[in-house]
Amino acid sequence: VNGLEQEVANLKAEVAALREKASNGIGQSAGDSLPGPPSLKEEGQRHRASMEALLQQSALETTPGATEATVEKYVANKRAQQETINEYLDCIEDILSPGTPLQVAFSA
């Protein structure tokens, strides 16, 4: 906790020095001036614009048949997986159940 308190104190001192430097006019070229915090309205508009861009981008990238193709691939993979499981279960049943050769050996 002491390390964090020290870091916060250093950052506060740095911010105060930058504000004092800006108020004195030292280093106030076009790129050195500190911009003020954006207003809530500006921030909301920027967020809305970025969300609209994401929605438009995803709408353009998604083709109508892409969803159906993905679902068909998923179903095909699940069916193949279930067939493999069924084959293994059949093998296990064959191993665990007494077969005809074993029944003949005990009945004779």
C-alpha atoms as a PDB file:
ATOM      1  CA  VAL A   1       0.000   0.000   0.000  1.00  0.00           C
ATOM      2  CA  ASN A   2       2.876   2.352   0.768  1.00  0.00           C
ATOM      3  CA  GLY A   3       4.227   1.890  -2.753  1.00  0.00           C
ATOM      4  CA  LEU A   4       0.874   2.831  -4.253  1.00  0.00           C
ATOM      5  CA  GLU A   5       0.569   5.873  -2.008  1.00  0.00           C
ATOM      6  CA  GLN A   6       4.047   6.983  -3.068  1.00  0.00           C
ATOM      7  CA  GLU A   7       3.188   6.477  -6.746  1.00  0.00           C
ATOM      8  CA  VAL A   8      -0.040   8.493  -6.367  1.00  0.00           C
ATOM      9  CA  ALA A   9       1.886  11.272  -4.642  1.00  0.00           C
ATOM     10  CA  ASN A  10       4.469  11.316  -7.458  1.00  0.00           C
ATOM     11  CA  LEU A  11       1.751  11.462 -10.111  1.00  0.00           C
ATOM     12  CA  LYS A  12      -0.039  14.292  -8.282  1.00  0.00           C
ATOM     13  CA  ALA A  13       3.210  16.232  -8.077  1.00  0.00           C
ATOM     14  CA  GLU A  14       3.858  15.655 -11.781  1.00  0.00           C
ATOM     15  CA  VAL A  15       0.354  16.863 -12.693  1.00  0.00           C
ATOM     16  CA  ALA A  16       0.763  19.951 -10.504  1.00  0.00           C
ATOM     17  CA  ALA A  17       4.112  20.733 -12.145  1.00  0.00           C
ATOM     18  CA  LEU A  18       2.631  20.378 -15.618  1.00  0.00           C
ATOM     19  CA  ARG A  19      -0.300  22.631 -14.720  1.00  0.00           C
ATOM     20  CA  GLU A  20       2.050  25.239 -13.273  1.00  0.00           C
ATOM     21  CA  LYS A  21       4.234  25.018 -16.364  1.00  0.00           C
ATOM     22  CA  ALA A  22       1.185  25.485 -18.592  1.00  0.00           C
ATOM     23  CA  SER A  23      -0.113  28.426 -16.570  1.00  0.00           C
ATOM     24  CA  ASN A  24       3.276  30.179 -16.721  1.00  0.00           C
ATOM     25  CA  GLY A  25       3.337  29.894 -20.493  1.00  0.00           C
ATOM     26  CA  ILE A  26       6.492  27.782 -20.556  1.00  0.00           C
ATOM     27  CA  GLY A  27       6.502  25.283 -23.375  1.00  0.00           C
ATOM     28  CA  GLN A  28       3.122  26.293 -24.762  1.00  0.00           C
ATOM     29  CA  SER A  29       3.592  25.429 -28.365  1.00  0.00           C
ATOM     30  CA  ALA A  30       0.788  23.894 -30.414  1.00  0.00           C
ATOM     31  CA  GLY A  31       1.700  20.333 -29.398  1.00  0.00           C
ATOM     32  CA  ASP A  32       2.624  21.000 -25.744  1.00  0.00           C
ATOM     33  CA  SER A  33      -0.649  22.462 -24.483  1.00  0.00           C
ATOM     34  CA  LEU A  34      -2.700  20.202 -22.266  1.00  0.00           C
ATOM     35  CA  PRO A  35      -6.168  19.526 -23.608  1.00  0.00           C
ATOM     36  CA  GLY A  36      -9.039  19.772 -21.202  1.00  0.00           C
ATOM     37  CA  PRO A  37     -11.074  16.728 -20.325  1.00  0.00           C
ATOM     38  CA  PRO A  38     -13.758  15.923 -22.901  1.00  0.00           C
ATOM     39  CA  SER A  39     -17.307  16.759 -21.960  1.00  0.00           C
ATOM     40  CA  LEU A  40     -19.779  13.962 -21.335  1.00  0.00           C
ATOM     41  CA  LYS A  41     -21.627  14.847 -24.517  1.00  0.00           C
ATOM     42  CA  GLU A  42     -18.458  14.604 -26.631  1.00  0.00           C
ATOM     43  CA  GLU A  43     -17.501  11.332 -24.993  1.00  0.00           C
ATOM     44  CA  GLY A  44     -20.995   9.919 -25.569  1.00  0.00           C
ATOM     45  CA  GLN A  45     -20.945  10.937 -29.221  1.00  0.00           C
ATOM     46  CA  ARG A  46     -17.532   9.365 -29.722  1.00  0.00           C
ATOM     47  CA  HIS A  47     -18.690   6.145 -28.045  1.00  0.00           C
ATOM     48  CA  ARG A  48     -21.879   6.068 -30.142  1.00  0.00           C
ATOM     49  CA  ALA A  49     -19.916   6.600 -33.357  1.00  0.00           C
ATOM     50  CA  SER A  50     -17.538   3.755 -32.515  1.00  0.00           C
ATOM     51  CA  MET A  51     -20.460   1.428 -31.701  1.00  0.00           C
ATOM     52  CA  GLU A  52     -22.187   2.311 -34.984  1.00  0.00           C
ATOM     53  CA  ALA A  53     -18.958   1.578 -36.864  1.00  0.00           C
ATOM     54  CA  LEU A  54     -18.702  -1.815 -35.156  1.00  0.00           C
ATOM     55  CA  LEU A  55     -22.313  -2.645 -36.019  1.00  0.00           C
ATOM     56  CA  GLN A  56     -21.821  -1.686 -39.661  1.00  0.00           C
ATOM     57  CA  GLN A  57     -18.573  -3.643 -39.854  1.00  0.00           C
ATOM     58  CA  SER A  58     -20.125  -6.802 -38.391  1.00  0.00           C
ATOM     59  CA  ALA A  59     -23.141  -6.471 -40.697  1.00  0.00           C
ATOM     60  CA  LEU A  60     -20.874  -6.270 -43.734  1.00  0.00           C
ATOM     61  CA  GLU A  61     -18.672  -9.169 -42.660  1.00  0.00           C
ATOM     62  CA  THR A  62     -21.538 -11.544 -41.873  1.00  0.00           C
ATOM     63  CA  THR A  63     -23.065 -13.043 -44.961  1.00  0.00           C
ATOM     64  CA  PRO A  64     -26.564 -14.548 -44.790  1.00  0.00           C
ATOM     65  CA  GLY A  65     -25.330 -18.100 -45.395  1.00  0.00           C
ATOM     66  CA  ALA A  66     -22.438 -17.922 -42.933  1.00  0.00           C
ATOM     67  CA  THR A  67     -24.598 -18.644 -39.899  1.00  0.00           C
ATOM     68  CA  GLU A  68     -26.297 -21.623 -41.527  1.00  0.00           C
ATOM     69  CA  ALA A  69     -22.961 -23.007 -42.702  1.00  0.00           C
ATOM     70  CA  THR A  70     -21.523 -22.686 -39.205  1.00  0.00           C
ATOM     71  CA  VAL A  71     -24.510 -24.446 -37.671  1.00  0.00           C
ATOM     72  CA  GLU A  72     -24.296 -27.252 -40.252  1.00  0.00           C
ATOM     73  CA  LYS A  73     -20.586 -27.738 -39.493  1.00  0.00           C
ATOM     74  CA  TYR A  74     -21.332 -27.836 -35.760  1.00  0.00           C
ATOM     75  CA  VAL A  75     -24.100 -30.415 -36.200  1.00  0.00           C
ATOM     76  CA  ALA A  76     -21.934 -32.553 -38.490  1.00  0.00           C
ATOM     77  CA  ASN A  77     -19.095 -32.491 -35.968  1.00  0.00           C
ATOM     78  CA  LYS A  78     -21.447 -33.415 -33.122  1.00  0.00           C
ATOM     79  CA  ARG A  79     -22.855 -36.327 -35.159  1.00  0.00           C
ATOM     80  CA  ALA A  80     -19.352 -37.595 -35.955  1.00  0.00           C
ATOM     81  CA  GLN A  81     -18.420 -37.284 -32.296  1.00  0.00           C
ATOM     82  CA  GLN A  82     -21.509 -39.239 -31.232  1.00  0.00           C
ATOM     83  CA  GLU A  83     -20.805 -41.955 -33.829  1.00  0.00           C
ATOM     84  CA  THR A  84     -17.293 -42.346 -32.430  1.00  0.00           C
ATOM     85  CA  ILE A  85     -18.665 -42.591 -28.896  1.00  0.00           C
ATOM     86  CA  ASN A  86     -21.203 -45.194 -30.026  1.00  0.00           C
ATOM     87  CA  GLU A  87     -18.447 -47.275 -31.669  1.00  0.00           C
ATOM     88  CA  TYR A  88     -16.410 -47.203 -28.466  1.00  0.00           C
ATOM     89  CA  LEU A  89     -19.472 -48.189 -26.433  1.00  0.00           C
ATOM     90  CA  ASP A  90     -20.131 -51.106 -28.810  1.00  0.00           C
ATOM     91  CA  CYS A  91     -16.549 -52.292 -28.333  1.00  0.00           C
ATOM     92  CA  ILE A  92     -16.885 -52.028 -24.554  1.00  0.00           C
ATOM     93  CA  GLU A  93     -20.157 -53.988 -24.647  1.00  0.00           C
ATOM     94  CA  ASP A  94     -18.482 -56.688 -26.751  1.00  0.00           C
ATOM     95  CA  ILE A  95     -15.625 -56.926 -24.263  1.00  0.00           C
ATOM     96  CA  LEU A  96     -17.910 -57.057 -21.217  1.00  0.00           C
ATOM     97  CA  SER A  97     -20.570 -59.435 -22.559  1.00  0.00           C
ATOM     98  CA  PRO A  98     -19.728 -63.124 -22.812  1.00  0.00           C
ATOM     99  CA  GLY A  99     -19.504 -63.992 -26.479  1.00  0.00           C
ATOM    100  CA  THR A 100     -20.436 -67.191 -28.288  1.00  0.00           C
ATOM    101  CA  PRO A 101     -16.958 -68.814 -27.997  1.00  0.00           C
ATOM    102  CA  LEU A 102     -16.972 -68.308 -24.237  1.00  0.00           C
ATOM    103  CA  GLN A 103     -20.509 -69.685 -23.883  1.00  0.00           C
ATOM    104  CA  VAL A 104     -19.608 -72.789 -25.928  1.00  0.00           C
ATOM    105  CA  ALA A 105     -16.520 -73.437 -23.812  1.00  0.00           C
ATOM    106  CA  PHE A 106     -18.504 -73.481 -20.556  1.00  0.00           C
ATOM    107  CA  SER A 107     -21.500 -75.410 -21.900  1.00  0.00           C
ATOM    108  CA  ALA A 108     -19.489 -78.342 -23.252  1.00  0.00           C
END
